[in-house]
Amino acid sequence: MTELIIVSRPRMRFIKWIGGGVYKQFLARVDQSYSESAPPATEYSSADVVITLYSGATIMAAQQFVARPSTRPLQLRRVDVMLNRVGSPTGTVFIRLYSDSSNNVGSLIATVGSISASSVATTFTIYTFTPSSAISLTPGTKYWVVIEFNAGNSSNYIQTTRATADVDTSVRSATYTTSWSYNVNELYLRVEYAFGSFTDSRSFTIDFQYMGPAEKRLKDVGTKENMTVNSVTVNGVSVGNTLEETDQIPQATQYTITYNYTVAAGTTYFTLRCFIERRLYYAATSITLDQLGSSEAYIVAIYFSGGGHLRIDDNPDADFITSGAATIRFDPGTLPFRKLEWLQGSGEVDILAVE
């Protein structure tokens, strides 16, 4: 009689256990950006007719302009005008901002800047004037830039220019001797804008699908230009003013990340550049055979991510300790265990488990 003996081989599973507080990149980075620039400059560049300024004659030349439309508060950043000196005038040339009154020059708002008449070039040159303190503008509102020189004489004077033909019928120019005289032909002028201070919020939504033992974490490695981030919320939960992988967040399959930020007065552009890394956090410091659902388990390799201290089966005599990153490998089936515990540091352990 022949006996048939059937020997079954145990089923083996390969497991990579990550523990001790390890952060791992999981899905591809999600890039989201938002930026704004101050409105473009208002400018009139024709320069064909000379306007002469000196005391006792015409002492002011003015150009009307409309502040650019904007959903943000606006400031006057700089004004460029065309100037020329004839002879040797003394005194000061002032560049001022006036309000508009029913399409006429209104009242003085602020002095944008000034220059000594003797410093003006003897050929027509573009001069830039920047206010020493903020000058707020109302978007879509008319204003006047006034060039004033109330000194010199008929032999020593300052000149500016205007166009021979009207370019923009919606605005006017003017000159002042004893009263304002209006013209439709534009002076040479360039007005640049900046943002006034404001606070706003911007949200981005990303997906994060994962099923497993690790915790989901997010990290923003993007840059923020010309703004201050006041707070960041993830699905309505505040994480401070930065988004770090150490921040605990709700566990969800989709995240709405909201940035509350402030843009300082005088800023010409800002960028909220968000590079969101979707990471996993392996927080567990120990694992047992029961948790693995196995009858036996063997260590195949230990990967120390930095200095670490791994204990096997609560036995101090079986500790593995490194002061830096290291890898220790074992022949399969040579190092059994019932429990692994990271006492210090973190890393990965390759495990061969018997079901």
Protein backbone atom coordinates (compact mmCIF):
# COMPACT_ATOMS: atom_id res chain seq x y z
CA MET A 1 0.00 0.00 0.00
CA THR A 2 1.36 3.37 -0.98
CA GLU A 3 0.85 6.37 1.26
CA LEU A 4 0.47 9.84 -0.23
CA ILE A 5 1.74 12.62 1.99
CA ILE A 6 0.67 16.14 1.02
CA VAL A 7 2.83 18.93 2.40
CA SER A 8 1.45 22.48 2.03
CA ARG A 9 3.79 25.40 1.87
CA PRO A 10 2.91 28.37 4.09
CA ARG A 11 1.72 31.52 2.36
CA MET A 12 4.21 34.36 2.68
CA ARG A 13 3.58 38.09 2.47
CA PHE A 14 6.11 40.84 1.93
CA ILE A 15 5.32 43.92 4.04
CA LYS A 16 7.08 47.27 4.26
CA TRP A 17 6.41 48.78 7.68
CA ILE A 18 7.13 52.48 8.02
CA GLY A 19 7.11 53.91 11.51
CA GLY A 20 8.46 56.28 14.09
CA GLY A 21 7.03 59.47 12.54
CA VAL A 22 8.00 59.31 8.85
CA TYR A 23 6.74 61.69 6.15
CA LYS A 24 6.62 60.27 2.63
CA GLN A 25 5.73 61.97 -0.63
CA PHE A 26 2.64 60.20 -1.99
CA LEU A 27 0.95 61.78 -5.02
CA ALA A 28 2.31 64.25 -7.54
CA ARG A 29 2.63 67.85 -6.43
CA VAL A 30 -0.28 70.16 -7.26
CA ASP A 31 0.70 73.64 -8.46
CA GLN A 32 -1.76 76.51 -8.06
CA SER A 33 -0.94 80.19 -8.53
CA TYR A 34 -2.72 83.51 -8.44
CA SER A 35 -1.25 86.92 -9.19
CA GLU A 36 -2.31 90.50 -9.89
CA SER A 37 -0.55 93.58 -11.21
CA ALA A 38 -1.49 97.20 -10.71
CA PRO A 39 -3.29 98.74 -13.72
CA PRO A 40 -1.10 99.86 -16.64
CA ALA A 41 0.12 103.44 -16.79
CA THR A 42 -1.95 106.24 -18.28
CA GLU A 43 0.18 108.07 -20.82
CA TYR A 44 0.10 110.67 -23.57
CA SER A 45 3.34 110.70 -25.53
CA SER A 46 2.89 113.32 -28.26
CA ALA A 47 5.21 116.30 -27.82
CA ASP A 48 4.85 118.77 -30.67
CA VAL A 49 3.89 122.20 -29.26
CA VAL A 50 6.01 124.05 -26.69
CA ILE A 51 4.39 125.64 -23.62
CA THR A 52 6.49 128.26 -21.85
CA LEU A 53 6.23 128.82 -18.08
CA TYR A 54 7.52 131.83 -16.11
CA SER A 55 6.30 134.49 -13.67
CA GLY A 56 4.04 137.19 -15.15
CA ALA A 57 2.91 134.95 -17.99
CA THR A 58 1.73 131.34 -18.07
CA ILE A 59 2.76 129.77 -14.75
CA MET A 60 0.92 126.41 -14.87
CA ALA A 61 0.24 123.72 -17.44
CA ALA A 62 -2.15 120.91 -16.57
CA GLN A 63 -3.25 117.58 -17.98
CA GLN A 64 -6.46 115.81 -17.04
CA PHE A 65 -6.40 111.99 -16.73
CA VAL A 66 -8.71 109.23 -15.54
CA ALA A 67 -7.40 106.84 -12.89
CA ARG A 68 -7.49 103.32 -14.27
CA PRO A 69 -10.41 101.05 -13.30
CA SER A 70 -9.48 98.62 -10.53
CA THR A 71 -11.21 96.40 -7.99
CA ARG A 72 -8.31 97.16 -5.62
CA PRO A 73 -7.49 100.44 -3.87
CA LEU A 74 -5.12 102.54 -6.00
CA GLN A 75 -2.24 104.89 -5.29
CA LEU A 76 -0.28 107.24 -7.50
CA ARG A 77 3.16 105.65 -7.85
CA ARG A 78 4.99 108.12 -10.12
CA VAL A 79 4.46 110.87 -12.68
CA ASP A 80 6.64 111.49 -15.74
CA VAL A 81 6.61 114.88 -17.48
CA MET A 82 8.65 116.51 -20.24
CA LEU A 83 10.69 119.57 -19.22
CA ASN A 84 13.24 121.90 -20.81
CA ARG A 85 15.21 124.89 -19.48
CA VAL A 86 15.93 128.07 -21.47
CA GLY A 87 18.46 130.56 -20.07
CA SER A 88 19.26 130.43 -16.35
CA PRO A 89 15.96 130.39 -14.45
CA THR A 90 16.00 130.07 -10.67
CA GLY A 91 13.23 128.84 -8.42
CA THR A 92 11.41 125.52 -8.21
CA VAL A 93 9.30 123.56 -10.64
CA PHE A 94 6.45 121.77 -8.83
CA ILE A 95 4.47 118.76 -10.00
CA ARG A 96 1.11 118.66 -8.21
CA LEU A 97 -2.05 116.58 -8.22
CA TYR A 98 -5.43 118.35 -8.35
CA SER A 99 -8.96 117.08 -8.18
CA ASP A 100 -11.40 117.48 -11.07
CA SER A 101 -14.38 119.80 -10.79
CA SER A 102 -16.92 119.31 -13.58
CA ASN A 103 -14.13 118.73 -16.13
CA ASN A 104 -12.12 121.69 -14.84
CA VAL A 105 -9.09 121.89 -12.58
CA GLY A 106 -10.36 121.53 -9.01
CA SER A 107 -8.51 121.82 -5.69
CA LEU A 108 -4.97 120.82 -4.72
CA ILE A 109 -4.69 117.24 -3.42
CA ALA A 110 -0.94 116.84 -2.99
CA THR A 111 2.46 117.86 -4.30
CA VAL A 112 3.93 114.89 -6.14
CA GLY A 113 7.47 116.27 -6.32
CA SER A 114 9.66 119.17 -7.35
CA ILE A 115 12.94 120.02 -9.06
CA SER A 116 15.19 123.07 -9.05
CA ALA A 117 14.73 125.01 -12.28
CA SER A 118 18.51 125.30 -12.65
CA SER A 119 18.74 121.47 -12.65
CA VAL A 120 16.45 121.06 -15.65
CA ALA A 121 18.29 120.13 -18.87
CA THR A 122 18.54 122.49 -21.82
CA THR A 123 17.08 119.84 -24.11
CA PHE A 124 13.64 118.31 -23.62
CA THR A 125 14.01 115.51 -21.09
CA ILE A 126 11.57 113.21 -19.33
CA TYR A 127 11.64 113.69 -15.55
CA THR A 128 10.17 111.26 -13.05
CA PHE A 129 8.53 112.43 -9.81
CA THR A 130 7.69 110.02 -6.99
CA PRO A 131 5.52 111.11 -4.04
CA SER A 132 7.24 111.01 -0.65
CA SER A 133 4.04 109.75 0.97
CA ALA A 134 1.09 107.76 -0.33
CA ILE A 135 -1.43 109.54 -2.56
CA SER A 136 -4.67 107.59 -2.85
CA LEU A 137 -6.66 107.59 -6.08
CA THR A 138 -10.25 106.54 -6.69
CA PRO A 139 -10.41 104.16 -9.67
CA GLY A 140 -12.30 105.58 -12.64
CA THR A 141 -12.10 109.16 -11.31
CA LYS A 142 -10.70 112.18 -13.17
CA TYR A 143 -7.69 114.08 -11.83
CA TRP A 144 -5.27 116.74 -13.05
CA VAL A 145 -1.47 116.76 -13.05
CA VAL A 146 -0.25 120.36 -12.88
CA ILE A 147 3.26 121.58 -13.77
CA GLU A 148 3.87 124.89 -11.96
CA PHE A 149 6.75 127.37 -12.31
CA ASN A 150 6.06 130.81 -10.83
CA ALA A 151 9.52 132.31 -11.24
CA GLY A 152 11.95 133.26 -14.01
CA ASN A 153 11.24 135.77 -16.78
CA SER A 154 10.89 136.04 -20.54
CA SER A 155 14.58 135.23 -21.00
CA ASN A 156 14.86 132.53 -18.34
CA TYR A 157 12.03 130.00 -18.26
CA ILE A 158 10.84 126.39 -18.18
CA GLN A 159 9.10 124.63 -21.03
CA THR A 160 6.89 121.57 -21.41
CA THR A 161 5.12 120.17 -24.46
CA ARG A 162 1.74 119.17 -25.77
CA ALA A 163 0.38 117.50 -28.91
CA THR A 164 -0.69 119.35 -32.03
CA ALA A 165 -3.67 117.04 -32.51
CA ASP A 166 -6.17 115.65 -30.04
CA VAL A 167 -5.59 111.99 -29.22
CA ASP A 168 -8.05 111.29 -26.41
CA THR A 169 -11.29 113.26 -26.64
CA SER A 170 -12.34 112.19 -23.13
CA VAL A 171 -9.73 114.40 -21.39
CA ARG A 172 -8.52 117.99 -21.59
CA SER A 173 -5.36 120.01 -20.99
CA ALA A 174 -5.14 123.54 -19.59
CA THR A 175 -2.82 126.47 -18.98
CA TYR A 176 -3.02 129.17 -16.29
CA THR A 177 -1.99 132.81 -16.46
CA THR A 178 -4.57 134.67 -14.40
CA SER A 179 -7.24 132.03 -14.97
CA TRP A 180 -7.49 128.58 -16.52
CA SER A 181 -7.69 128.24 -20.29
CA TYR A 182 -8.67 124.79 -21.59
CA ASN A 183 -7.52 122.81 -24.62
CA VAL A 184 -8.21 119.29 -25.88
CA ASN A 185 -4.63 118.58 -26.99
CA GLU A 186 -2.74 116.48 -24.43
CA LEU A 187 0.47 117.37 -22.62
CA TYR A 188 3.23 114.81 -22.51
CA LEU A 189 2.35 112.80 -19.40
CA ARG A 190 2.76 109.38 -17.86
CA VAL A 191 1.05 108.31 -14.62
CA GLU A 192 1.95 104.99 -12.99
CA TYR A 193 -0.17 103.25 -10.36
CA ALA A 194 0.37 101.00 -7.36
CA PHE A 195 -1.99 99.15 -5.07
CA GLY A 196 -3.18 100.66 -1.84
CA SER A 197 -3.12 98.33 1.17
CA PHE A 198 -5.79 95.61 1.20
CA THR A 199 -6.56 92.20 2.68
CA ASP A 200 -8.18 89.37 0.74
CA SER A 201 -8.54 85.57 0.62
CA ARG A 202 -7.93 83.01 -2.11
CA SER A 203 -8.87 79.29 -2.07
CA PHE A 204 -7.60 76.24 -3.96
CA THR A 205 -9.19 72.77 -3.99
CA ILE A 206 -7.22 69.54 -4.50
CA ASP A 207 -8.05 65.82 -4.37
CA PHE A 208 -6.26 63.37 -2.06
CA GLN A 209 -7.35 59.74 -2.50
CA TYR A 210 -5.66 57.26 -0.15
CA MET A 211 -6.75 54.25 1.90
CA GLY A 212 -4.23 52.94 4.39
CA PRO A 213 -2.74 53.25 7.87
CA ALA A 214 -0.92 56.54 7.36
CA GLU A 215 -2.30 60.03 8.01
CA LYS A 216 -2.71 62.46 5.14
CA ARG A 217 -0.64 65.61 5.35
CA LEU A 218 -0.08 68.62 3.09
CA LYS A 219 2.96 70.83 2.62
CA ASP A 220 3.19 74.05 0.62
CA VAL A 221 6.65 74.63 -0.85
CA GLY A 222 5.59 77.54 -3.08
CA THR A 223 6.68 81.17 -2.81
CA LYS A 224 4.63 84.23 -1.87
CA GLU A 225 5.73 87.52 -3.44
CA ASN A 226 4.87 91.01 -2.17
CA MET A 227 2.28 89.81 0.31
CA THR A 228 1.97 88.72 3.92
CA VAL A 229 0.01 85.52 4.58
CA ASN A 230 -2.09 86.07 7.70
CA SER A 231 -3.61 82.61 8.01
CA VAL A 232 -4.07 79.29 6.21
CA THR A 233 -7.09 77.04 6.71
CA VAL A 234 -7.55 73.48 5.45
CA ASN A 235 -11.22 72.47 5.14
CA GLY A 236 -12.02 75.28 7.55
CA VAL A 237 -9.39 74.28 10.15
CA SER A 238 -6.65 76.84 10.86
CA VAL A 239 -3.04 75.65 10.61
CA GLY A 240 -1.33 79.01 11.25
CA ASN A 241 0.19 81.16 8.52
CA THR A 242 2.08 78.37 6.71
CA LEU A 243 1.09 74.92 5.53
CA GLU A 244 3.58 72.36 6.82
CA GLU A 245 3.67 68.57 6.79
CA THR A 246 3.71 68.65 10.60
CA ASP A 247 0.25 70.28 10.66
CA GLN A 248 -2.55 67.90 11.58
CA ILE A 249 -5.40 68.24 9.10
CA PRO A 250 -8.83 66.61 8.72
CA GLN A 251 -8.67 63.25 6.95
CA ALA A 252 -10.64 63.72 3.73
CA THR A 253 -10.56 62.86 0.04
CA GLN A 254 -10.67 66.51 -1.04
CA TYR A 255 -9.14 69.61 0.51
CA THR A 256 -9.96 73.30 0.18
CA ILE A 257 -6.96 75.38 1.20
CA THR A 258 -7.69 79.05 1.91
CA TYR A 259 -5.03 81.75 2.23
CA ASN A 260 -5.87 85.06 3.89
CA TYR A 261 -3.27 87.65 2.89
CA THR A 262 -2.44 91.35 3.02
CA VAL A 263 -0.81 93.37 0.25
CA ALA A 264 1.09 96.44 1.43
CA ALA A 265 0.50 99.92 0.02
CA GLY A 266 2.81 100.80 -2.86
CA THR A 267 2.94 97.25 -4.24
CA THR A 268 2.82 97.00 -8.03
CA TYR A 269 2.21 93.23 -8.21
CA PHE A 270 1.77 90.21 -5.96
CA THR A 271 1.82 86.45 -6.47
CA LEU A 272 0.34 83.67 -4.36
CA ARG A 273 2.26 80.67 -5.70
CA CYS A 274 1.23 77.41 -4.00
CA PHE A 275 3.04 74.13 -4.64
CA ILE A 276 1.10 71.59 -2.59
CA GLU A 277 2.81 68.29 -1.82
CA ARG A 278 0.47 65.47 -0.80
CA ARG A 279 2.29 63.41 1.81
CA LEU A 280 1.64 60.51 4.16
CA TYR A 281 2.62 60.51 7.82
CA TYR A 282 3.41 57.16 9.40
CA ALA A 283 3.01 57.95 13.07
CA ALA A 284 3.00 54.45 14.62
CA THR A 285 6.10 53.68 16.67
CA SER A 286 5.44 49.94 17.09
CA ILE A 287 3.89 46.94 15.36
CA THR A 288 3.11 43.36 16.54
CA LEU A 289 2.33 39.98 15.00
CA ASP A 290 -1.33 40.42 15.94
CA GLN A 291 -1.47 43.69 14.01
CA LEU A 292 0.11 41.98 11.03
CA GLY A 293 -2.38 39.11 11.29
CA SER A 294 0.46 36.63 11.01
CA SER A 295 1.65 33.56 12.89
CA GLU A 296 5.29 34.27 12.16
CA ALA A 297 7.25 37.22 10.82
CA TYR A 298 10.86 37.81 9.90
CA ILE A 299 12.94 40.96 9.36
CA VAL A 300 14.51 41.17 5.89
CA ALA A 301 15.99 44.69 6.08
CA ILE A 302 16.03 47.77 8.30
CA TYR A 303 16.37 51.25 6.78
CA PHE A 304 17.26 54.01 9.23
CA SER A 305 16.22 57.39 7.79
CA GLY A 306 18.53 59.13 10.27
CA GLY A 307 19.85 58.33 13.69
CA GLY A 308 17.54 55.72 15.17
CA HIS A 309 16.93 53.10 17.86
CA LEU A 310 14.87 50.00 16.96
CA ARG A 311 14.01 47.42 19.66
CA ILE A 312 12.91 43.83 18.91
CA ASP A 313 10.56 41.88 21.21
CA ASP A 314 11.04 44.34 24.11
CA ASN A 315 14.57 42.97 24.46
CA PRO A 316 17.27 45.61 25.08
CA ASP A 317 19.89 43.05 24.07
CA ALA A 318 18.41 42.96 20.56
CA ASP A 319 18.50 46.71 19.91
CA PHE A 320 19.69 48.18 16.62
CA ILE A 321 21.08 51.71 17.04
CA THR A 322 22.60 54.07 14.45
CA SER A 323 23.73 57.68 14.61
CA GLY A 324 22.81 58.38 10.99
CA ALA A 325 21.17 56.92 7.91
CA ALA A 326 21.94 53.21 7.55
CA THR A 327 20.69 49.97 6.00
CA ILE A 328 20.95 46.54 7.66
CA ARG A 329 19.96 43.40 5.70
CA PHE A 330 19.27 39.83 6.83
CA ASP A 331 18.84 36.53 5.04
CA PRO A 332 15.10 35.73 4.76
CA GLY A 333 13.86 33.65 7.68
CA THR A 334 16.86 34.29 9.94
CA LEU A 335 15.50 37.02 12.26
CA PRO A 336 12.00 36.33 13.64
CA PHE A 337 10.12 38.83 15.81
CA ARG A 338 6.86 39.30 17.69
CA LYS A 339 7.12 43.06 18.14
CA LEU A 340 9.08 45.96 16.63
CA GLU A 341 9.34 49.36 18.31
CA TRP A 342 11.08 52.57 17.38
CA LEU A 343 12.39 53.99 20.65
CA GLN A 344 14.05 56.86 18.84
CA GLY A 345 14.11 58.11 15.28
CA SER A 346 12.23 56.51 12.41
CA GLY A 347 12.66 54.33 9.37
CA GLU A 348 11.37 51.42 7.31
CA VAL A 349 11.46 47.68 7.93
CA ASP A 350 11.02 45.03 5.23
CA ILE A 351 9.08 42.11 6.70
CA LEU A 352 8.38 38.59 5.49
CA ALA A 353 5.15 37.47 7.20
CA VAL A 354 3.68 33.96 7.41
CA GLU A 355 -0.12 33.85 7.21
